[in-house]
């Protein structure tokens, strides 16, 4: 289970809305206690996706509206910020502009490189016509073949 503070939830909605019609990306800063992740804050990252960082030869057919890339340097900055606050990176989030908050195959492939097993959460904020819609949380299965819905509070 993942528990978001009201501040973190609002910050994700604001980031996703401000980035529309492009996808946003960020990291979840919090703690892991008794199997529950408590998200206290987020780290807003820049979506630096370009065709050059694509994972397949077909990536050039896509844009920032349906792809994101998190620069590893942003991950390191977020990790330093989290540690300074006594927190850890417990997951990441991104948005789906005008699309349901359901992971895509591209999301699954990208998540395989993150690691963290089933303790790392993947949140998706849907944004429809520029307005925040549903927010969902997912865990990548141990074998990396599918996403499993995670309870979100």
N, C-alpha and C. Protein backbone atom coordinates (compact mmCIF):
# COMPACT_ATOMS: atom_id res chain seq x y z
N UNK A 1 0.84 -1.17 0.00
CA UNK A 1 0.00 0.00 0.00
C UNK A 1 0.89 1.24 0.00
N UNK A 2 0.42 2.27 -0.68
CA UNK A 2 1.12 3.55 -0.69
C UNK A 2 0.15 4.62 -0.20
N UNK A 3 0.66 5.46 0.69
CA UNK A 3 -0.15 6.51 1.29
C UNK A 3 0.47 7.85 0.92
N UNK A 4 -0.29 8.69 0.22
CA UNK A 4 0.20 10.00 -0.19
C UNK A 4 -0.33 11.07 0.75
N UNK A 5 0.55 11.98 1.12
CA UNK A 5 0.08 13.14 1.87
C UNK A 5 -0.76 13.98 0.92
N UNK A 6 -1.64 14.79 1.45
CA UNK A 6 -2.47 15.67 0.62
C UNK A 6 -1.59 16.61 -0.20
N UNK A 7 -0.49 17.05 0.40
CA UNK A 7 0.44 17.95 -0.30
C UNK A 7 1.07 17.26 -1.49
N UNK A 8 1.50 16.01 -1.32
CA UNK A 8 2.12 15.26 -2.41
C UNK A 8 1.12 15.01 -3.53
N UNK A 9 -0.09 14.62 -3.17
CA UNK A 9 -1.12 14.36 -4.19
C UNK A 9 -1.40 15.63 -5.00
N UNK A 10 -1.55 16.75 -4.31
CA UNK A 10 -1.83 18.01 -4.98
C UNK A 10 -0.66 18.42 -5.88
N UNK A 11 0.56 18.20 -5.41
CA UNK A 11 1.74 18.56 -6.20
C UNK A 11 1.83 17.73 -7.49
N UNK A 12 1.46 16.45 -7.41
CA UNK A 12 1.45 15.61 -8.61
C UNK A 12 0.41 16.13 -9.60
N UNK A 13 -0.79 16.42 -9.12
CA UNK A 13 -1.84 16.97 -9.99
C UNK A 13 -1.39 18.26 -10.66
N UNK A 14 -0.76 19.15 -9.88
CA UNK A 14 -0.31 20.43 -10.42
C UNK A 14 0.78 20.24 -11.47
N UNK A 15 1.71 19.34 -11.21
CA UNK A 15 2.79 19.08 -12.16
C UNK A 15 2.22 18.51 -13.46
N UNK A 16 1.31 17.55 -13.34
CA UNK A 16 0.72 16.92 -14.52
C UNK A 16 -0.10 17.93 -15.33
N UNK A 17 -0.84 18.77 -14.64
CA UNK A 17 -1.67 19.77 -15.32
C UNK A 17 -0.80 20.82 -16.01
N UNK A 18 0.24 21.27 -15.33
CA UNK A 18 1.14 22.28 -15.90
C UNK A 18 1.90 21.74 -17.11
N UNK A 19 2.16 20.44 -17.14
CA UNK A 19 2.90 19.82 -18.25
C UNK A 19 2.02 19.49 -19.45
N UNK A 20 0.71 19.41 -19.24
CA UNK A 20 -0.22 19.04 -20.30
C UNK A 20 -0.03 19.97 -21.50
N UNK A 21 0.03 19.47 -22.74
CA UNK A 21 -0.34 18.13 -23.19
C UNK A 21 0.82 17.12 -23.21
N UNK A 22 1.92 17.46 -22.54
CA UNK A 22 3.04 16.54 -22.47
C UNK A 22 2.97 15.73 -21.18
N UNK A 23 3.71 14.64 -21.15
CA UNK A 23 3.81 13.84 -19.94
C UNK A 23 4.77 14.54 -18.97
N UNK A 24 4.49 14.42 -17.69
CA UNK A 24 5.41 14.88 -16.67
C UNK A 24 6.05 13.65 -16.02
N UNK A 25 7.08 13.87 -15.25
CA UNK A 25 7.74 12.78 -14.53
C UNK A 25 8.33 13.35 -13.25
N UNK A 26 8.32 12.53 -12.22
CA UNK A 26 8.90 12.94 -10.94
C UNK A 26 9.09 11.74 -10.04
N UNK A 27 9.63 12.00 -8.88
CA UNK A 27 9.94 10.94 -7.92
C UNK A 27 9.18 11.17 -6.62
N UNK A 28 8.92 10.07 -5.92
CA UNK A 28 8.16 10.09 -4.68
C UNK A 28 9.13 9.93 -3.51
N UNK A 29 9.12 10.90 -2.60
CA UNK A 29 10.02 10.89 -1.46
C UNK A 29 9.23 10.55 -0.20
N UNK A 30 9.70 9.54 0.51
CA UNK A 30 8.95 9.13 1.69
C UNK A 30 9.67 8.08 2.50
N UNK A 31 8.88 7.30 3.22
CA UNK A 31 9.42 6.27 4.09
C UNK A 31 8.68 4.96 3.85
N UNK A 32 9.33 3.88 4.20
CA UNK A 32 8.72 2.55 4.14
C UNK A 32 8.63 2.05 5.58
N UNK A 33 7.39 1.87 6.04
CA UNK A 33 7.16 1.45 7.42
C UNK A 33 6.13 0.33 7.43
N UNK A 34 6.52 -0.80 7.98
CA UNK A 34 5.62 -1.95 8.11
C UNK A 34 4.95 -2.30 6.78
N UNK A 35 5.72 -2.27 5.69
CA UNK A 35 5.20 -2.64 4.39
C UNK A 35 4.37 -1.57 3.70
N UNK A 36 4.22 -0.41 4.31
CA UNK A 36 3.47 0.69 3.72
C UNK A 36 4.42 1.83 3.36
N UNK A 37 4.25 2.36 2.17
CA UNK A 37 5.03 3.52 1.75
C UNK A 37 4.24 4.77 2.11
N UNK A 38 4.89 5.71 2.77
CA UNK A 38 4.28 6.99 3.13
C UNK A 38 5.01 8.07 2.34
N UNK A 39 4.32 8.71 1.40
CA UNK A 39 4.93 9.73 0.57
C UNK A 39 4.67 11.09 1.19
N UNK A 40 5.76 11.76 1.56
CA UNK A 40 5.66 13.08 2.19
C UNK A 40 5.83 14.21 1.19
N UNK A 41 6.62 13.95 0.13
CA UNK A 41 6.93 15.01 -0.83
C UNK A 41 7.23 14.39 -2.19
N UNK A 42 7.29 15.24 -3.19
CA UNK A 42 7.68 14.78 -4.53
C UNK A 42 8.89 15.57 -4.98
N UNK A 43 9.56 15.04 -5.98
CA UNK A 43 10.65 15.74 -6.66
C UNK A 43 10.24 15.86 -8.11
N UNK A 44 9.96 17.08 -8.54
CA UNK A 44 9.57 17.33 -9.93
C UNK A 44 10.81 17.26 -10.81
N UNK A 45 10.78 16.40 -11.81
CA UNK A 45 11.90 16.28 -12.74
C UNK A 45 11.46 16.83 -14.10
N UNK A 46 12.43 17.09 -14.92
CA UNK A 46 12.18 17.54 -16.29
C UNK A 46 12.02 16.32 -17.18
N UNK A 47 10.99 16.31 -18.02
CA UNK A 47 10.84 15.24 -19.01
C UNK A 47 11.81 15.54 -20.14
N UNK A 48 12.88 14.76 -20.22
CA UNK A 48 13.92 15.01 -21.22
C UNK A 48 13.89 13.99 -22.36
N UNK A 49 12.71 13.40 -22.60
CA UNK A 49 12.62 12.42 -23.67
C UNK A 49 12.89 13.06 -25.02
N UNK A 50 13.68 12.37 -25.82
CA UNK A 50 13.87 12.68 -27.24
C UNK A 50 13.99 11.34 -27.94
N UNK A 51 13.90 11.34 -29.24
CA UNK A 51 14.02 10.09 -30.00
C UNK A 51 15.37 9.42 -29.74
N UNK A 52 16.39 10.22 -29.39
CA UNK A 52 17.72 9.66 -29.16
C UNK A 52 17.78 8.78 -27.92
N UNK A 53 16.87 8.98 -26.96
CA UNK A 53 16.88 8.14 -25.75
C UNK A 53 15.84 7.04 -25.83
N UNK A 54 15.26 6.84 -27.00
CA UNK A 54 14.22 5.83 -27.18
C UNK A 54 14.74 4.42 -26.96
N UNK A 55 13.81 3.51 -26.70
CA UNK A 55 14.19 2.13 -26.44
C UNK A 55 14.03 1.23 -27.65
N UNK A 56 13.31 1.68 -28.66
CA UNK A 56 13.11 0.87 -29.85
C UNK A 56 13.28 1.73 -31.10
N UNK A 57 13.39 1.09 -32.24
CA UNK A 57 13.55 1.83 -33.49
C UNK A 57 12.29 2.62 -33.84
N UNK A 58 11.15 2.29 -33.24
CA UNK A 58 9.90 3.00 -33.55
C UNK A 58 9.69 4.23 -32.67
N UNK A 59 10.58 4.51 -31.74
CA UNK A 59 10.40 5.62 -30.82
C UNK A 59 10.30 6.97 -31.52
N UNK A 60 10.87 7.09 -32.70
CA UNK A 60 10.82 8.37 -33.41
C UNK A 60 9.39 8.76 -33.79
N UNK A 61 8.45 7.82 -33.73
CA UNK A 61 7.06 8.09 -34.06
C UNK A 61 6.30 8.70 -32.88
N UNK A 62 6.98 8.94 -31.79
CA UNK A 62 6.33 9.41 -30.58
C UNK A 62 6.86 10.79 -30.18
N UNK A 63 6.25 11.37 -29.16
CA UNK A 63 6.65 12.70 -28.71
C UNK A 63 6.52 12.80 -27.20
N UNK A 64 6.76 13.98 -26.66
CA UNK A 64 6.61 14.21 -25.23
C UNK A 64 5.18 14.01 -24.75
N UNK A 65 4.24 13.93 -25.68
CA UNK A 65 2.84 13.71 -25.32
C UNK A 65 2.57 12.26 -24.91
N UNK A 66 3.48 11.35 -25.27
CA UNK A 66 3.26 9.95 -24.88
C UNK A 66 4.55 9.24 -24.47
N UNK A 67 5.56 10.00 -24.12
CA UNK A 67 6.82 9.43 -23.67
C UNK A 67 7.42 10.35 -22.61
N UNK A 68 8.22 9.74 -21.72
CA UNK A 68 8.99 10.53 -20.79
C UNK A 68 10.33 9.85 -20.58
N UNK A 69 11.29 10.65 -20.14
CA UNK A 69 12.61 10.14 -19.78
C UNK A 69 13.06 10.89 -18.55
N UNK A 70 13.49 10.16 -17.55
CA UNK A 70 14.01 10.74 -16.32
C UNK A 70 15.52 10.66 -16.37
N UNK A 71 16.16 11.81 -16.44
CA UNK A 71 17.61 11.88 -16.50
C UNK A 71 18.18 11.30 -15.20
N UNK A 72 19.15 10.39 -15.26
CA UNK A 72 19.74 9.82 -14.04
C UNK A 72 20.29 10.88 -13.09
N UNK A 73 20.72 12.02 -13.62
CA UNK A 73 21.22 13.09 -12.75
C UNK A 73 20.09 13.64 -11.89
N UNK A 74 18.86 13.68 -12.44
CA UNK A 74 17.72 14.11 -11.63
C UNK A 74 17.45 13.11 -10.52
N UNK A 75 17.62 11.84 -10.81
CA UNK A 75 17.42 10.81 -9.79
C UNK A 75 18.42 11.03 -8.65
N UNK A 76 19.66 11.31 -9.00
CA UNK A 76 20.68 11.54 -7.98
C UNK A 76 20.36 12.79 -7.16
N UNK A 77 19.90 13.85 -7.80
CA UNK A 77 19.52 15.07 -7.08
C UNK A 77 18.37 14.79 -6.13
N UNK A 78 17.39 14.04 -6.60
CA UNK A 78 16.24 13.69 -5.75
C UNK A 78 16.68 12.85 -4.57
N UNK A 79 17.62 11.92 -4.80
CA UNK A 79 18.11 11.08 -3.73
C UNK A 79 18.81 11.92 -2.67
N UNK A 80 19.62 12.89 -3.08
CA UNK A 80 20.29 13.78 -2.13
C UNK A 80 19.26 14.60 -1.34
N UNK A 81 18.25 15.11 -2.05
CA UNK A 81 17.20 15.89 -1.39
C UNK A 81 16.45 15.02 -0.38
N UNK A 82 16.11 13.81 -0.77
CA UNK A 82 15.39 12.91 0.12
C UNK A 82 16.21 12.61 1.37
N UNK A 83 17.47 12.25 1.19
CA UNK A 83 18.33 11.91 2.33
C UNK A 83 18.49 13.09 3.29
N UNK A 84 18.56 14.30 2.74
CA UNK A 84 18.69 15.49 3.58
C UNK A 84 17.46 15.68 4.47
N UNK A 85 16.32 15.12 4.04
CA UNK A 85 15.08 15.21 4.80
C UNK A 85 14.79 13.94 5.59
N UNK A 86 15.73 13.00 5.59
CA UNK A 86 15.52 11.74 6.28
C UNK A 86 14.54 10.82 5.56
N UNK A 87 14.43 10.98 4.23
CA UNK A 87 13.50 10.21 3.42
C UNK A 87 14.26 9.36 2.40
N UNK A 88 13.51 8.52 1.71
CA UNK A 88 14.04 7.70 0.62
C UNK A 88 13.19 7.93 -0.62
N UNK A 89 13.69 7.51 -1.77
CA UNK A 89 12.88 7.48 -2.99
C UNK A 89 12.10 6.17 -2.94
N UNK A 90 10.77 6.25 -2.87
CA UNK A 90 9.94 5.05 -2.74
C UNK A 90 9.15 4.76 -4.02
N UNK A 91 9.32 5.61 -5.04
CA UNK A 91 8.62 5.38 -6.29
C UNK A 91 8.78 6.57 -7.22
N UNK A 92 8.06 6.50 -8.32
CA UNK A 92 8.06 7.58 -9.29
C UNK A 92 6.63 7.79 -9.78
N UNK A 93 6.44 8.89 -10.49
CA UNK A 93 5.13 9.15 -11.09
C UNK A 93 5.34 9.75 -12.46
N UNK A 94 4.32 9.60 -13.28
CA UNK A 94 4.28 10.30 -14.56
C UNK A 94 2.81 10.48 -14.94
N UNK A 95 2.58 11.28 -15.95
CA UNK A 95 1.19 11.54 -16.35
C UNK A 95 0.88 10.88 -17.69
N UNK A 96 -0.42 10.68 -17.90
CA UNK A 96 -0.94 10.20 -19.18
C UNK A 96 -1.91 11.26 -19.68
N UNK A 97 -1.46 12.13 -20.58
CA UNK A 97 -2.35 13.16 -21.14
C UNK A 97 -3.44 12.53 -22.02
N UNK A 98 -4.69 12.86 -21.71
CA UNK A 98 -5.85 12.37 -22.46
C UNK A 98 -5.82 10.85 -22.66
N UNK A 99 -5.44 10.16 -21.60
CA UNK A 99 -5.35 8.71 -21.65
C UNK A 99 -5.59 8.17 -20.24
N UNK A 100 -6.15 6.97 -20.10
CA UNK A 100 -6.38 6.40 -18.77
C UNK A 100 -5.09 6.21 -17.97
N UNK A 101 -5.21 6.16 -16.67
CA UNK A 101 -4.07 5.97 -15.77
C UNK A 101 -3.75 4.48 -15.63
N UNK A 102 -3.55 3.84 -16.77
CA UNK A 102 -3.23 2.42 -16.85
C UNK A 102 -1.86 2.30 -17.52
N UNK A 103 -0.95 1.50 -16.98
CA UNK A 103 0.39 1.43 -17.56
C UNK A 103 0.36 0.86 -18.98
N UNK A 104 1.19 1.45 -19.81
CA UNK A 104 1.34 0.98 -21.19
C UNK A 104 2.47 -0.05 -21.24
N UNK A 105 2.61 -0.68 -22.38
CA UNK A 105 3.73 -1.61 -22.58
C UNK A 105 5.05 -0.84 -22.47
N UNK A 106 5.08 0.37 -22.98
CA UNK A 106 6.29 1.20 -22.88
C UNK A 106 6.61 1.49 -21.42
N UNK A 107 5.58 1.73 -20.59
CA UNK A 107 5.78 1.94 -19.16
C UNK A 107 6.43 0.70 -18.53
N UNK A 108 5.95 -0.47 -18.93
CA UNK A 108 6.48 -1.72 -18.37
C UNK A 108 7.95 -1.91 -18.75
N UNK A 109 8.26 -1.67 -20.00
CA UNK A 109 9.64 -1.83 -20.46
C UNK A 109 10.56 -0.84 -19.73
N UNK A 110 10.10 0.39 -19.59
CA UNK A 110 10.89 1.39 -18.87
C UNK A 110 11.06 1.05 -17.40
N UNK A 111 10.03 0.50 -16.80
CA UNK A 111 10.07 0.16 -15.37
C UNK A 111 11.06 -0.97 -15.09
N UNK A 112 11.28 -1.83 -16.06
CA UNK A 112 12.20 -2.94 -15.86
C UNK A 112 13.62 -2.45 -15.55
N UNK A 113 13.97 -1.29 -16.07
CA UNK A 113 15.31 -0.75 -15.83
C UNK A 113 15.46 -0.04 -14.51
N UNK A 114 14.35 0.19 -13.81
CA UNK A 114 14.39 0.94 -12.55
C UNK A 114 14.82 0.06 -11.40
N UNK A 115 14.39 -1.16 -11.39
CA UNK A 115 14.68 -2.04 -10.26
C UNK A 115 13.74 -1.73 -9.10
N UNK A 116 14.13 -2.11 -7.92
CA UNK A 116 13.32 -1.85 -6.74
C UNK A 116 12.31 -2.94 -6.45
N UNK A 117 12.12 -3.85 -7.40
CA UNK A 117 11.17 -4.94 -7.19
C UNK A 117 9.79 -4.45 -6.85
N UNK A 118 9.08 -5.22 -6.06
CA UNK A 118 7.70 -4.85 -5.74
C UNK A 118 7.62 -3.81 -4.62
N UNK A 119 8.75 -3.27 -4.19
CA UNK A 119 8.71 -2.22 -3.17
C UNK A 119 8.75 -0.83 -3.78
N UNK A 120 8.89 -0.71 -5.09
CA UNK A 120 8.98 0.57 -5.79
C UNK A 120 7.67 0.83 -6.50
N UNK A 121 7.02 1.94 -6.18
CA UNK A 121 5.70 2.26 -6.74
C UNK A 121 5.82 3.09 -8.02
N UNK A 122 4.88 2.84 -8.93
CA UNK A 122 4.79 3.59 -10.18
C UNK A 122 3.39 4.21 -10.23
N UNK A 123 3.32 5.52 -10.00
CA UNK A 123 2.03 6.21 -10.03
C UNK A 123 1.79 6.81 -11.40
N UNK A 124 0.53 6.79 -11.84
CA UNK A 124 0.15 7.41 -13.11
C UNK A 124 -1.01 8.36 -12.83
N UNK A 125 -0.81 9.62 -13.22
CA UNK A 125 -1.84 10.64 -13.10
C UNK A 125 -2.42 10.90 -14.48
N UNK A 126 -3.69 10.58 -14.66
CA UNK A 126 -4.36 10.89 -15.92
C UNK A 126 -4.74 12.37 -15.92
N UNK A 127 -4.59 13.01 -17.08
CA UNK A 127 -5.01 14.39 -17.26
C UNK A 127 -5.87 14.42 -18.52
N UNK A 128 -7.12 14.83 -18.37
CA UNK A 128 -8.04 14.85 -19.49
C UNK A 128 -8.48 16.29 -19.79
N UNK A 129 -8.25 16.70 -21.02
CA UNK A 129 -8.58 18.07 -21.45
C UNK A 129 -7.98 19.10 -20.50
N UNK A 130 -6.77 18.81 -20.02
CA UNK A 130 -6.07 19.75 -19.16
C UNK A 130 -6.45 19.70 -17.69
N UNK A 131 -7.34 18.80 -17.30
CA UNK A 131 -7.79 18.70 -15.91
C UNK A 131 -7.36 17.36 -15.31
N UNK A 132 -6.89 17.37 -14.05
CA UNK A 132 -6.49 16.10 -13.44
C UNK A 132 -7.67 15.15 -13.32
N UNK A 133 -7.41 13.90 -13.62
CA UNK A 133 -8.44 12.85 -13.53
C UNK A 133 -7.93 11.81 -12.52
N UNK A 134 -8.05 10.53 -12.84
CA UNK A 134 -7.71 9.49 -11.87
C UNK A 134 -6.19 9.38 -11.66
N UNK A 135 -5.84 8.96 -10.45
CA UNK A 135 -4.47 8.68 -10.07
C UNK A 135 -4.42 7.23 -9.61
N UNK A 136 -3.52 6.45 -10.17
CA UNK A 136 -3.41 5.04 -9.82
C UNK A 136 -1.97 4.71 -9.44
N UNK A 137 -1.79 3.60 -8.73
CA UNK A 137 -0.46 3.16 -8.34
C UNK A 137 -0.28 1.71 -8.75
N UNK A 138 0.95 1.38 -9.16
CA UNK A 138 1.24 0.06 -9.70
C UNK A 138 2.59 -0.42 -9.18
N UNK A 139 2.73 -1.72 -9.10
CA UNK A 139 3.97 -2.38 -8.76
C UNK A 139 4.34 -3.29 -9.91
N UNK A 140 5.61 -3.37 -10.25
CA UNK A 140 6.06 -4.29 -11.29
C UNK A 140 6.24 -5.66 -10.67
N UNK A 141 5.68 -6.69 -11.30
CA UNK A 141 5.81 -8.05 -10.79
C UNK A 141 7.29 -8.44 -10.70
N UNK A 142 7.58 -9.41 -9.86
CA UNK A 142 8.98 -9.87 -9.67
C UNK A 142 9.63 -10.26 -10.98
N UNK A 143 8.87 -10.87 -11.90
CA UNK A 143 9.44 -11.29 -13.17
C UNK A 143 9.47 -10.16 -14.20
N UNK A 144 8.92 -9.01 -13.86
CA UNK A 144 8.94 -7.85 -14.75
C UNK A 144 8.00 -7.94 -15.93
N UNK A 145 7.11 -8.93 -15.93
CA UNK A 145 6.25 -9.16 -17.08
C UNK A 145 4.92 -8.42 -17.03
N UNK A 146 4.54 -7.89 -15.86
CA UNK A 146 3.24 -7.22 -15.77
C UNK A 146 3.24 -6.27 -14.57
N UNK A 147 2.30 -5.35 -14.60
CA UNK A 147 2.06 -4.47 -13.47
C UNK A 147 0.94 -5.04 -12.62
N UNK A 148 1.04 -4.81 -11.32
CA UNK A 148 0.04 -5.23 -10.35
C UNK A 148 -0.50 -3.95 -9.70
N UNK A 149 -1.81 -3.83 -9.63
CA UNK A 149 -2.42 -2.67 -9.00
C UNK A 149 -2.02 -2.61 -7.53
N UNK A 150 -1.69 -1.41 -7.07
CA UNK A 150 -1.33 -1.20 -5.66
C UNK A 150 -2.37 -0.30 -5.01
N UNK A 151 -2.76 -0.63 -3.80
CA UNK A 151 -3.72 0.21 -3.07
C UNK A 151 -3.10 1.57 -2.80
N UNK A 152 -3.89 2.61 -3.08
CA UNK A 152 -3.45 3.99 -2.94
C UNK A 152 -4.39 4.72 -2.00
N UNK A 153 -3.82 5.34 -0.98
CA UNK A 153 -4.62 6.14 -0.05
C UNK A 153 -4.11 7.56 -0.03
